[in-house]
Amino acid sequence: MQKHATGKTPPLGRAGAALLALLLAACCLGTGLFTAPDARADEWRDKQYWLAESGITKAWEVSKGAGVKVAVIDSGVDAKHPDLKGAVVGGYDASGSGQPDGQKVVGSKTEHGTLVATMLAGRGHQPADATASPSPGPAGLPPDGIVGVAPEAQILSVSTWLGSTNPSGKSDQDQIPEAVRWAVDNGAKVINISLGSTTPQWPQSWDAAFLYAEQKDVVIVAAAGNRVGGNIQVGAPATIPGVLTVAGLDRKGTASVDASSQGISIGVAAPAENLLGGVPGGSYAEWAGTSGSTPIVAGVAALIRSKWPDMSAKQVINRIVATAKDSGAPGKDPLYGFGVLNAEAALKDDVPEVSANPLGSIAEWIRVHRRGNLATPTPVPTAEVPSAVSTLPEATVPAVKAPSQRDSALGAAVVIGFGLLFVAIIAAAVIQLRRAARNPGELREEPDTGVVDRVDSGRQT
């Protein structure tokens, strides 16, 4: 049986305005590690509510993602996690600060890529005390650990250093287009980008890479961002035309207040709160944010591409948004996009073909806004369109660490202290009320604070 450590979320700080980097944490509202240090791995499995509620377990009757490569452009993936055994089939380091295979976790949120990968293509694992013929879990999958939306898909780990100063000096203006191009050239049919920025604009240096992915018929799924991370509106790359942008839902299935943002580029909404994923070293964490919503949708795209290998990217995206359950304002809206993800319908319903990607085309956008030559687009960086200022440099999901006895003792002391203070306040209030009863006077309300104060009549105080 595997033990799982827990930790507390550190206070979130603000980076200096001069730091130019993608806001990795904007799409990752972490809520700390699940407090269950002795929990069995299958207890984590039981809490993956989105598998049933989003129709994924029913979609598995049609496809589990076999034969599809999904690139995870993130902080690197720990391929040694027990739930990713055999899932990571290659990778690349776009940061210049990791390892060539992209499997060294880098950047300010080292656990982020592994969380994403396990939710997307986790395969679970057999318990340590399994018998010679252990009972399989649902859909014939191992009974313990995290199972991803596309458990038979393959992961390409593309590591990027974002959220803090990169030791190699490579910025997001260089890393993101390099990562996208490598993923396309190495067989990715779906690209997951659970990263975001605080601006809807993107560097011109990204144009050619996203156009290249569109021309090579690759589905790109990106996170809308989180309000708690400073993203009131969707930020790049989720604003790039043709990208399937994912908004976040709370446990009631409504737009999350903290763990989502809004914008006209949103395509579909998926669960974003009380999510679970694996972290480097073999343990697990509870987290929240559209960083987790994105691999749910990217996983469904992998299921579709596995079922229909010849289906175009625009038809895959249309199948997902056309079968989404309309929510919020009728029709497409800036909170839910086309609606709430329905994986079963996306794999089973009859969906008419479309002539264009319902979320637009980067090729058309370049033609109109850059006035560029689509045949030979030139990725020229521009100072007029800066990359996003990082506003959450600290990890929102803390490093795995068991709480110490000293921490527990301090917590108890704080609770006792607040209790005593509350009793003292009540006692003081009773005394004041008794005095007021003996000495009735005129009451007035302080204009700014709203505090009621008593003014005695005819005597000095």
Protein backbone atom coordinates (compact mmCIF):
# COMPACT_ATOMS: atom_id res chain seq x y z
CA MET A 1 0.00 0.00 0.00
CA GLN A 2 1.33 3.37 -0.96
CA LYS A 3 1.32 6.27 1.49
CA HIS A 4 0.40 9.73 0.36
CA ALA A 5 1.86 12.84 1.92
CA THR A 6 0.02 16.10 2.42
CA GLY A 7 0.93 19.76 2.63
CA LYS A 8 -0.45 23.28 2.97
CA THR A 9 -0.71 25.88 0.26
CA PRO A 10 1.78 28.70 0.85
CA PRO A 11 0.62 32.30 0.63
CA LEU A 12 0.53 33.58 -2.94
CA GLY A 13 2.89 36.44 -3.75
CA ARG A 14 3.08 39.05 -6.59
CA ALA A 15 5.98 39.12 -9.00
CA GLY A 16 7.57 42.33 -10.20
CA ALA A 17 6.03 43.95 -13.24
CA ALA A 18 9.25 43.52 -15.18
CA LEU A 19 9.12 39.69 -15.17
CA LEU A 20 8.03 38.55 -18.65
CA ALA A 21 6.84 34.95 -18.68
CA LEU A 22 3.67 32.96 -19.23
CA LEU A 23 1.50 32.80 -16.16
CA LEU A 24 1.61 29.09 -15.50
CA ALA A 25 -0.26 29.47 -12.23
CA ALA A 26 -3.07 31.47 -13.84
CA CYS A 27 -4.61 28.23 -15.01
CA CYS A 28 -3.79 26.22 -11.91
CA LEU A 29 -5.73 27.18 -8.80
CA GLY A 30 -4.24 24.68 -6.35
CA THR A 31 -6.07 23.81 -3.15
CA GLY A 32 -3.34 21.78 -1.50
CA LEU A 33 -2.88 18.06 -1.19
CA PHE A 34 -5.73 15.83 -0.15
CA THR A 35 -5.46 15.21 3.59
CA ALA A 36 -5.29 11.44 3.66
CA PRO A 37 -1.69 10.32 4.28
CA ASP A 38 -2.70 6.68 4.72
CA ALA A 39 -5.35 6.52 2.01
CA ARG A 40 -5.33 3.64 -0.45
CA ALA A 41 -4.86 4.63 -4.07
CA ASP A 42 -8.32 3.35 -5.01
CA GLU A 43 -9.83 5.95 -2.67
CA TRP A 44 -8.38 8.53 -5.05
CA ARG A 45 -10.02 6.65 -7.91
CA ASP A 46 -13.38 6.89 -6.16
CA LYS A 47 -13.11 10.69 -6.12
CA GLN A 48 -12.67 11.06 -9.90
CA TYR A 49 -16.28 12.16 -10.23
CA TRP A 50 -15.79 13.67 -13.71
CA LEU A 51 -15.28 10.26 -15.29
CA ALA A 52 -18.95 9.43 -14.81
CA GLU A 53 -20.50 12.90 -14.66
CA SER A 54 -18.90 14.06 -17.92
CA GLY A 55 -19.91 10.86 -19.73
CA ILE A 56 -16.35 9.55 -20.02
CA THR A 57 -16.97 6.05 -18.66
CA LYS A 58 -19.74 5.64 -21.24
CA ALA A 59 -17.45 6.99 -23.96
CA TRP A 60 -14.97 4.22 -23.09
CA GLU A 61 -17.49 1.77 -24.61
CA VAL A 62 -16.41 3.26 -27.94
CA SER A 63 -12.77 4.30 -27.45
CA LYS A 64 -10.02 4.61 -24.86
CA GLY A 65 -7.62 6.61 -27.03
CA ALA A 66 -5.42 3.83 -28.39
CA GLY A 67 -2.92 4.85 -31.06
CA VAL A 68 -3.16 8.61 -30.44
CA LYS A 69 -0.21 10.71 -29.31
CA VAL A 70 -1.03 13.71 -27.14
CA ALA A 71 1.66 16.31 -26.49
CA VAL A 72 1.62 17.89 -23.03
CA ILE A 73 3.37 21.26 -23.30
CA ASP A 74 4.00 21.98 -19.66
CA SER A 75 6.62 21.77 -16.90
CA GLY A 76 7.71 18.24 -17.84
CA VAL A 77 6.19 14.88 -16.91
CA ASP A 78 7.47 12.36 -14.38
CA ALA A 79 7.19 9.22 -16.51
CA LYS A 80 8.13 7.11 -13.47
CA HIS A 81 4.84 7.81 -11.73
CA PRO A 82 3.12 4.41 -11.30
CA ASP A 83 -0.01 5.59 -13.10
CA LEU A 84 2.00 6.66 -16.17
CA LYS A 85 3.91 3.42 -16.66
CA GLY A 86 4.23 2.93 -20.41
CA ALA A 87 2.22 6.05 -21.21
CA VAL A 88 5.08 8.48 -21.94
CA VAL A 89 6.60 7.48 -25.27
CA GLY A 90 8.83 10.46 -26.00
CA GLY A 91 9.51 14.05 -25.30
CA TYR A 92 11.56 17.17 -25.81
CA ASP A 93 13.00 19.98 -23.71
CA ALA A 94 12.02 23.35 -25.14
CA SER A 95 13.23 25.19 -22.05
CA GLY A 96 16.96 24.65 -22.55
CA SER A 97 17.18 23.94 -18.82
CA GLY A 98 15.89 20.37 -18.60
CA GLN A 99 16.75 17.03 -20.16
CA PRO A 100 16.44 16.19 -23.88
CA ASP A 101 13.53 13.80 -23.30
CA GLY A 102 11.37 16.44 -21.58
CA GLN A 103 10.89 14.24 -18.54
CA LYS A 104 12.84 16.35 -16.06
CA VAL A 105 10.32 18.58 -14.29
CA VAL A 106 11.34 22.25 -14.56
CA GLY A 107 10.04 25.77 -13.93
CA SER A 108 8.25 27.25 -10.95
CA LYS A 109 5.48 24.61 -10.92
CA THR A 110 7.39 21.36 -11.28
CA GLU A 111 4.40 19.18 -10.36
CA HIS A 112 2.08 20.78 -12.91
CA GLY A 113 2.90 18.67 -15.97
CA THR A 114 2.52 15.38 -14.10
CA LEU A 115 -0.86 16.44 -12.72
CA VAL A 116 -2.01 17.21 -16.27
CA ALA A 117 -0.60 14.01 -17.80
CA THR A 118 -2.19 11.69 -15.23
CA MET A 119 -5.61 13.30 -15.70
CA LEU A 120 -5.26 12.99 -19.46
CA ALA A 121 -3.77 9.52 -19.91
CA GLY A 122 -3.23 7.97 -16.48
CA ARG A 123 -3.47 4.20 -16.55
CA GLY A 124 -3.85 3.42 -12.86
CA HIS A 125 -1.89 0.60 -11.29
CA GLN A 126 -2.29 -2.63 -9.40
CA PRO A 127 -2.16 -2.38 -5.59
CA ALA A 128 1.10 -3.38 -3.96
CA ASP A 129 -0.61 -6.25 -2.15
CA ALA A 130 -2.38 -7.51 -5.29
CA THR A 131 -2.86 -11.24 -5.66
CA ALA A 132 -1.61 -13.22 -8.63
CA SER A 133 -4.90 -12.49 -10.41
CA PRO A 134 -6.19 -9.15 -9.08
CA SER A 135 -9.69 -8.02 -9.94
CA PRO A 136 -9.74 -5.37 -12.67
CA GLY A 137 -11.34 -2.00 -12.10
CA PRO A 138 -14.00 -0.36 -14.28
CA ALA A 139 -13.59 -0.87 -18.03
CA GLY A 140 -10.94 -3.50 -17.37
CA LEU A 141 -8.48 -0.93 -15.99
CA PRO A 142 -6.25 -1.50 -12.95
CA PRO A 143 -8.21 -0.80 -9.75
CA ASP A 144 -5.87 1.68 -8.05
CA GLY A 145 -4.56 5.15 -8.82
CA ILE A 146 -5.58 7.85 -11.28
CA VAL A 147 -7.15 6.89 -14.59
CA GLY A 148 -7.05 9.49 -17.32
CA VAL A 149 -9.77 10.34 -19.78
CA ALA A 150 -7.84 8.56 -22.54
CA PRO A 151 -6.05 5.76 -20.64
CA GLU A 152 -4.71 4.09 -23.80
CA ALA A 153 -3.36 7.27 -25.40
CA GLN A 154 0.37 8.01 -25.52
CA ILE A 155 1.99 11.08 -23.99
CA LEU A 156 4.72 13.25 -25.50
CA SER A 157 6.23 15.38 -22.74
CA VAL A 158 7.39 18.80 -23.94
CA SER A 159 8.99 20.68 -21.06
CA THR A 160 8.94 24.46 -20.78
CA TRP A 161 10.29 26.76 -18.07
CA LEU A 162 7.54 29.26 -17.27
CA GLY A 163 6.45 31.27 -14.25
CA SER A 164 9.94 32.32 -13.14
CA THR A 165 13.25 33.34 -14.68
CA ASN A 166 14.55 30.59 -16.95
CA PRO A 167 18.23 29.78 -16.25
CA SER A 168 18.81 29.19 -19.97
CA GLY A 169 17.49 32.63 -20.86
CA LYS A 170 14.86 31.30 -23.30
CA SER A 171 11.56 33.17 -22.97
CA ASP A 172 8.04 31.98 -23.71
CA GLN A 173 8.32 33.77 -27.06
CA ASP A 174 10.90 31.15 -28.02
CA GLN A 175 9.74 28.12 -26.04
CA ILE A 176 6.07 27.95 -27.00
CA PRO A 177 6.49 27.98 -30.81
CA GLU A 178 9.42 25.56 -30.53
CA ALA A 179 7.32 23.24 -28.36
CA VAL A 180 4.33 23.33 -30.72
CA ARG A 181 6.45 22.66 -33.81
CA TRP A 182 8.26 19.74 -32.16
CA ALA A 183 4.95 18.20 -31.07
CA VAL A 184 3.51 18.44 -34.58
CA ASP A 185 6.66 17.03 -36.20
CA ASN A 186 6.72 14.09 -33.80
CA GLY A 187 3.25 12.78 -34.40
CA ALA A 188 1.02 14.54 -31.87
CA LYS A 189 -2.60 14.54 -33.05
CA VAL A 190 -3.69 16.52 -29.97
CA ILE A 191 -1.73 19.17 -28.06
CA ASN A 192 -2.64 20.04 -24.46
CA ILE A 193 -1.59 23.51 -23.27
CA SER A 194 -2.64 24.00 -19.64
CA LEU A 195 -0.79 27.30 -19.55
CA GLY A 196 -2.06 30.81 -19.89
CA SER A 197 -1.29 34.49 -19.63
CA THR A 198 -2.97 37.60 -18.30
CA THR A 199 -3.31 39.19 -21.74
CA PRO A 200 -5.40 38.13 -24.75
CA GLN A 201 -2.57 39.13 -27.08
CA TRP A 202 0.24 36.82 -28.09
CA PRO A 203 3.70 37.46 -29.52
CA GLN A 204 3.94 37.46 -33.29
CA SER A 205 6.63 34.83 -32.82
CA TRP A 206 3.81 32.35 -32.09
CA ASP A 207 1.90 32.89 -35.34
CA ALA A 208 3.83 30.55 -37.60
CA ALA A 209 3.86 27.64 -35.11
CA PHE A 210 0.10 27.70 -34.50
CA LEU A 211 -0.48 28.09 -38.23
CA TYR A 212 1.80 25.09 -38.79
CA ALA A 213 -0.28 23.01 -36.37
CA GLU A 214 -3.48 24.08 -38.12
CA GLN A 215 -2.05 23.19 -41.54
CA LYS A 216 -0.92 19.79 -40.21
CA ASP A 217 -4.42 19.08 -38.86
CA VAL A 218 -3.56 18.99 -35.13
CA VAL A 219 -6.14 19.71 -32.41
CA ILE A 220 -4.87 22.24 -29.84
CA VAL A 221 -6.70 22.44 -26.50
CA ALA A 222 -5.88 25.30 -24.12
CA ALA A 223 -6.95 26.50 -20.68
CA ALA A 224 -9.12 29.61 -20.32
CA GLY A 225 -7.39 30.70 -17.09
CA ASN A 226 -8.62 31.37 -13.57
CA ARG A 227 -10.00 34.52 -11.97
CA VAL A 228 -8.14 33.80 -8.75
CA GLY A 229 -4.92 33.84 -10.76
CA GLY A 230 -5.64 37.26 -12.21
CA ASN A 231 -7.41 36.10 -15.38
CA ILE A 232 -10.74 37.91 -15.41
CA GLN A 233 -10.82 37.30 -19.16
CA VAL A 234 -9.27 34.55 -21.27
CA GLY A 235 -5.56 35.00 -21.99
CA ALA A 236 -3.30 33.70 -24.76
CA PRO A 237 -2.79 31.09 -26.14
CA ALA A 238 -6.46 30.32 -25.48
CA THR A 239 -7.44 33.39 -27.52
CA ILE A 240 -5.76 32.13 -30.70
CA PRO A 241 -8.39 31.35 -33.38
CA GLY A 242 -8.92 27.64 -33.97
CA VAL A 243 -7.77 26.62 -30.47
CA LEU A 244 -10.34 24.72 -28.40
CA THR A 245 -10.50 26.82 -25.22
CA VAL A 246 -11.77 25.19 -22.01
CA ALA A 247 -13.60 26.98 -19.20
CA GLY A 248 -14.07 25.54 -15.70
CA LEU A 249 -17.08 24.27 -13.72
CA ASP A 250 -17.64 23.92 -9.99
CA ARG A 251 -19.05 20.77 -8.37
CA LYS A 252 -22.59 21.92 -9.12
CA GLY A 253 -21.80 22.06 -12.82
CA THR A 254 -21.99 25.84 -13.03
CA ALA A 255 -19.25 28.25 -14.09
CA SER A 256 -16.59 28.33 -11.38
CA VAL A 257 -16.15 31.71 -9.71
CA ASP A 258 -12.45 31.22 -8.92
CA ALA A 259 -11.29 28.38 -11.14
CA SER A 260 -12.28 29.80 -14.51
CA SER A 261 -12.47 33.01 -16.53
CA GLN A 262 -14.65 34.29 -19.35
CA GLY A 263 -14.27 35.28 -22.97
CA ILE A 264 -15.71 34.94 -26.45
CA SER A 265 -13.06 32.39 -27.42
CA ILE A 266 -14.31 29.74 -24.96
CA GLY A 267 -15.44 26.58 -26.75
CA VAL A 268 -16.59 24.24 -24.00
CA ALA A 269 -16.68 23.93 -20.20
CA ALA A 270 -15.49 21.01 -18.06
CA PRO A 271 -14.96 20.28 -14.33
CA ALA A 272 -12.37 22.51 -12.66
CA GLU A 273 -12.82 21.99 -8.91
CA ASN A 274 -11.96 19.10 -6.57
CA LEU A 275 -9.75 17.52 -9.21
CA LEU A 276 -7.14 14.86 -8.51
CA GLY A 277 -3.87 14.06 -10.22
CA GLY A 278 -0.48 12.47 -9.75
CA VAL A 279 2.59 14.44 -8.71
CA PRO A 280 6.29 13.63 -9.21
CA GLY A 281 7.53 10.94 -6.87
CA GLY A 282 4.47 8.71 -7.11
CA SER A 283 1.98 10.52 -4.89
CA TYR A 284 -1.24 12.43 -5.55
CA ALA A 285 -2.73 15.88 -5.03
CA GLU A 286 -6.10 17.58 -5.07
CA TRP A 287 -6.17 20.70 -7.19
CA ALA A 288 -8.44 23.04 -9.13
CA GLY A 289 -8.42 25.26 -12.18
CA THR A 290 -8.79 25.15 -15.94
CA SER A 291 -5.35 23.55 -16.01
CA GLY A 292 -7.25 20.41 -14.98
CA SER A 293 -10.29 21.05 -17.17
CA THR A 294 -8.08 21.13 -20.25
CA PRO A 295 -6.73 17.54 -20.13
CA ILE A 296 -10.30 16.30 -19.62
CA VAL A 297 -11.29 17.86 -22.96
CA ALA A 298 -7.99 16.98 -24.65
CA GLY A 299 -8.56 13.40 -23.54
CA VAL A 300 -11.96 13.38 -25.23
CA ALA A 301 -10.34 14.71 -28.41
CA ALA A 302 -7.93 11.75 -28.21
CA LEU A 303 -10.85 9.32 -27.83
CA ILE A 304 -12.43 10.76 -30.98
CA ARG A 305 -9.20 10.68 -32.99
CA SER A 306 -8.68 7.07 -31.96
CA LYS A 307 -12.19 6.07 -33.03
CA TRP A 308 -12.00 8.00 -36.32
CA PRO A 309 -8.31 8.30 -37.29
CA ASP A 310 -9.10 10.08 -40.55
CA MET A 311 -11.39 12.70 -39.02
CA SER A 312 -10.04 16.23 -39.47
CA ALA A 313 -9.16 18.46 -36.54
CA LYS A 314 -12.00 20.87 -37.32
CA GLN A 315 -14.50 17.98 -37.30
CA VAL A 316 -13.10 16.70 -33.97
CA ILE A 317 -13.52 20.14 -32.40
CA ASN A 318 -16.99 20.52 -33.90
CA ARG A 319 -18.02 17.12 -32.53
CA ILE A 320 -17.03 18.21 -29.01
CA VAL A 321 -18.74 21.62 -29.09
CA ALA A 322 -21.81 20.48 -31.05
CA THR A 323 -22.64 17.77 -28.49
CA ALA A 324 -21.98 19.97 -25.45
CA LYS A 325 -24.98 20.59 -23.21
CA ASP A 326 -26.07 24.21 -23.52
CA SER A 327 -25.80 26.09 -20.24
CA GLY A 328 -26.05 29.69 -19.11
CA ALA A 329 -27.39 32.09 -21.72
CA PRO A 330 -28.96 30.28 -24.71
CA GLY A 331 -26.41 29.51 -27.41
CA LYS A 332 -22.72 30.27 -27.25
CA ASP A 333 -21.80 32.53 -24.34
CA PRO A 334 -18.59 33.83 -22.69
CA LEU A 335 -18.86 31.59 -19.61
CA TYR A 336 -19.63 28.14 -21.06
CA GLY A 337 -18.86 28.59 -24.74
CA PHE A 338 -21.09 26.13 -26.61
CA GLY A 339 -21.89 24.35 -23.34
CA VAL A 340 -20.84 21.68 -20.86
CA LEU A 341 -18.74 18.75 -22.10
CA ASN A 342 -20.65 15.53 -22.84
CA ALA A 343 -18.07 12.89 -23.74
CA GLU A 344 -20.60 10.12 -24.36
CA ALA A 345 -22.48 12.23 -26.90
CA ALA A 346 -19.22 13.30 -28.53
CA LEU A 347 -18.38 9.63 -29.16
CA LYS A 348 -21.83 8.28 -29.93
CA ASP A 349 -24.04 10.96 -31.50
CA ASP A 350 -24.46 11.64 -35.19
CA VAL A 351 -22.86 15.03 -35.83
CA PRO A 352 -23.09 16.72 -39.25
CA GLU A 353 -19.81 17.74 -40.83
CA VAL A 354 -18.81 21.38 -40.98
CA SER A 355 -16.85 23.27 -43.60
CA ALA A 356 -14.81 25.27 -41.09
CA ASN A 357 -13.56 25.11 -37.52
CA PRO A 358 -16.36 26.61 -35.39
CA LEU A 359 -13.68 28.35 -33.31
CA GLY A 360 -12.05 30.10 -36.24
CA SER A 361 -8.77 29.88 -38.13
CA ILE A 362 -5.35 31.29 -37.30
CA ALA A 363 -4.63 31.37 -41.05
CA GLU A 364 -7.50 33.79 -41.65
CA TRP A 365 -6.53 35.85 -38.61
CA ILE A 366 -2.97 36.24 -39.88
CA ARG A 367 -4.24 37.25 -43.29
CA VAL A 368 -6.42 40.00 -41.83
CA HIS A 369 -4.43 41.22 -38.84
CA ARG A 370 -0.79 40.55 -39.70
CA ARG A 371 -1.22 40.96 -43.46
CA GLY A 372 1.25 38.11 -43.72
CA ASN A 373 2.03 35.62 -46.44
CA LEU A 374 0.46 32.33 -45.39
CA ALA A 375 2.89 30.36 -47.51
CA THR A 376 5.95 31.57 -45.64
CA PRO A 377 4.83 33.16 -42.34
CA THR A 378 7.70 34.91 -40.57
CA PRO A 379 7.75 34.55 -36.76
CA VAL A 380 9.04 38.03 -35.92
CA PRO A 381 8.88 38.93 -32.19
CA THR A 382 7.45 42.34 -31.46
CA ALA A 383 7.92 44.59 -28.44
CA GLU A 384 4.43 45.98 -28.99
CA VAL A 385 2.90 42.63 -27.99
CA PRO A 386 4.73 41.54 -24.84
CA SER A 387 4.32 38.21 -23.16
CA ALA A 388 2.33 38.14 -19.95
CA VAL A 389 3.56 39.48 -16.64
CA SER A 390 3.74 36.63 -14.15
CA THR A 391 1.60 37.40 -11.12
CA LEU A 392 1.74 34.11 -9.23
CA PRO A 393 5.37 32.98 -9.08
CA GLU A 394 4.83 30.49 -6.24
CA ALA A 395 3.49 26.98 -6.68
CA THR A 396 -0.25 26.81 -6.13
CA VAL A 397 -0.07 23.10 -5.45
CA PRO A 398 2.63 22.71 -2.79
CA ALA A 399 5.47 20.24 -2.88
CA VAL A 400 4.57 16.92 -1.28
CA LYS A 401 5.35 17.18 2.41
CA ALA A 402 3.82 15.51 5.44
CA PRO A 403 2.59 17.92 8.16
CA SER A 404 4.89 17.96 11.18
CA GLN A 405 3.72 17.60 14.80
CA ARG A 406 4.88 21.16 15.34
CA ASP A 407 2.58 22.37 12.56
CA SER A 408 -0.33 20.48 14.12
CA ALA A 409 0.45 21.90 17.53
CA LEU A 410 0.62 25.43 16.15
CA GLY A 411 -2.70 24.92 14.42
CA ALA A 412 -4.31 23.74 17.66
CA ALA A 413 -2.83 26.68 19.54
CA VAL A 414 -4.24 29.11 17.00
CA VAL A 415 -7.71 27.57 17.32
CA ILE A 416 -7.59 27.73 21.15
CA GLY A 417 -6.33 31.31 21.00
CA PHE A 418 -9.17 32.41 18.74
CA GLY A 419 -11.63 30.63 21.02
CA LEU A 420 -10.40 32.51 24.10
CA LEU A 421 -10.46 35.79 22.20
CA PHE A 422 -14.07 35.15 21.15
CA VAL A 423 -15.09 34.47 24.77
CA ALA A 424 -13.39 37.68 25.90
CA ILE A 425 -15.21 39.72 23.23
CA ILE A 426 -18.59 38.29 24.28
CA ALA A 427 -17.87 39.02 27.95
CA ALA A 428 -16.91 42.61 27.16
CA ALA A 429 -20.08 43.06 25.11
CA VAL A 430 -22.25 41.84 28.01
CA ILE A 431 -20.60 44.33 30.37
CA GLN A 432 -21.18 47.19 27.92
CA LEU A 433 -24.85 46.24 27.51
CA ARG A 434 -25.36 46.23 31.28
CA ARG A 435 -23.79 49.67 31.56
CA ALA A 436 -26.00 50.94 28.74
CA ALA A 437 -29.09 49.68 30.52
CA ARG A 438 -28.10 51.59 33.67
CA ASN A 439 -27.20 54.79 31.74
CA PRO A 440 -29.53 55.17 28.74
CA GLY A 441 -28.34 57.73 26.22
CA GLU A 442 -28.46 58.75 22.56
CA LEU A 443 -27.20 56.26 19.98
CA ARG A 444 -25.44 57.30 16.79
CA GLU A 445 -23.81 55.37 13.97
CA GLU A 446 -20.27 56.21 12.92
CA PRO A 447 -20.49 57.35 9.29
CA ASP A 448 -17.55 55.30 7.93
CA THR A 449 -17.31 52.16 10.02
CA GLY A 450 -20.95 51.48 10.81
CA VAL A 451 -20.05 50.93 14.47
CA VAL A 452 -22.84 51.91 16.87
CA ASP A 453 -21.50 54.12 19.70
CA ARG A 454 -23.36 55.47 22.71
CA VAL A 455 -23.24 59.23 23.49
CA ASP A 456 -24.17 60.05 27.06
CA SER A 457 -26.58 62.97 27.63
CA GLY A 458 -25.56 65.88 29.86
CA ARG A 459 -22.26 64.54 31.24
CA GLN A 460 -18.61 64.42 30.32
CA THR A 461 -16.77 61.17 29.65
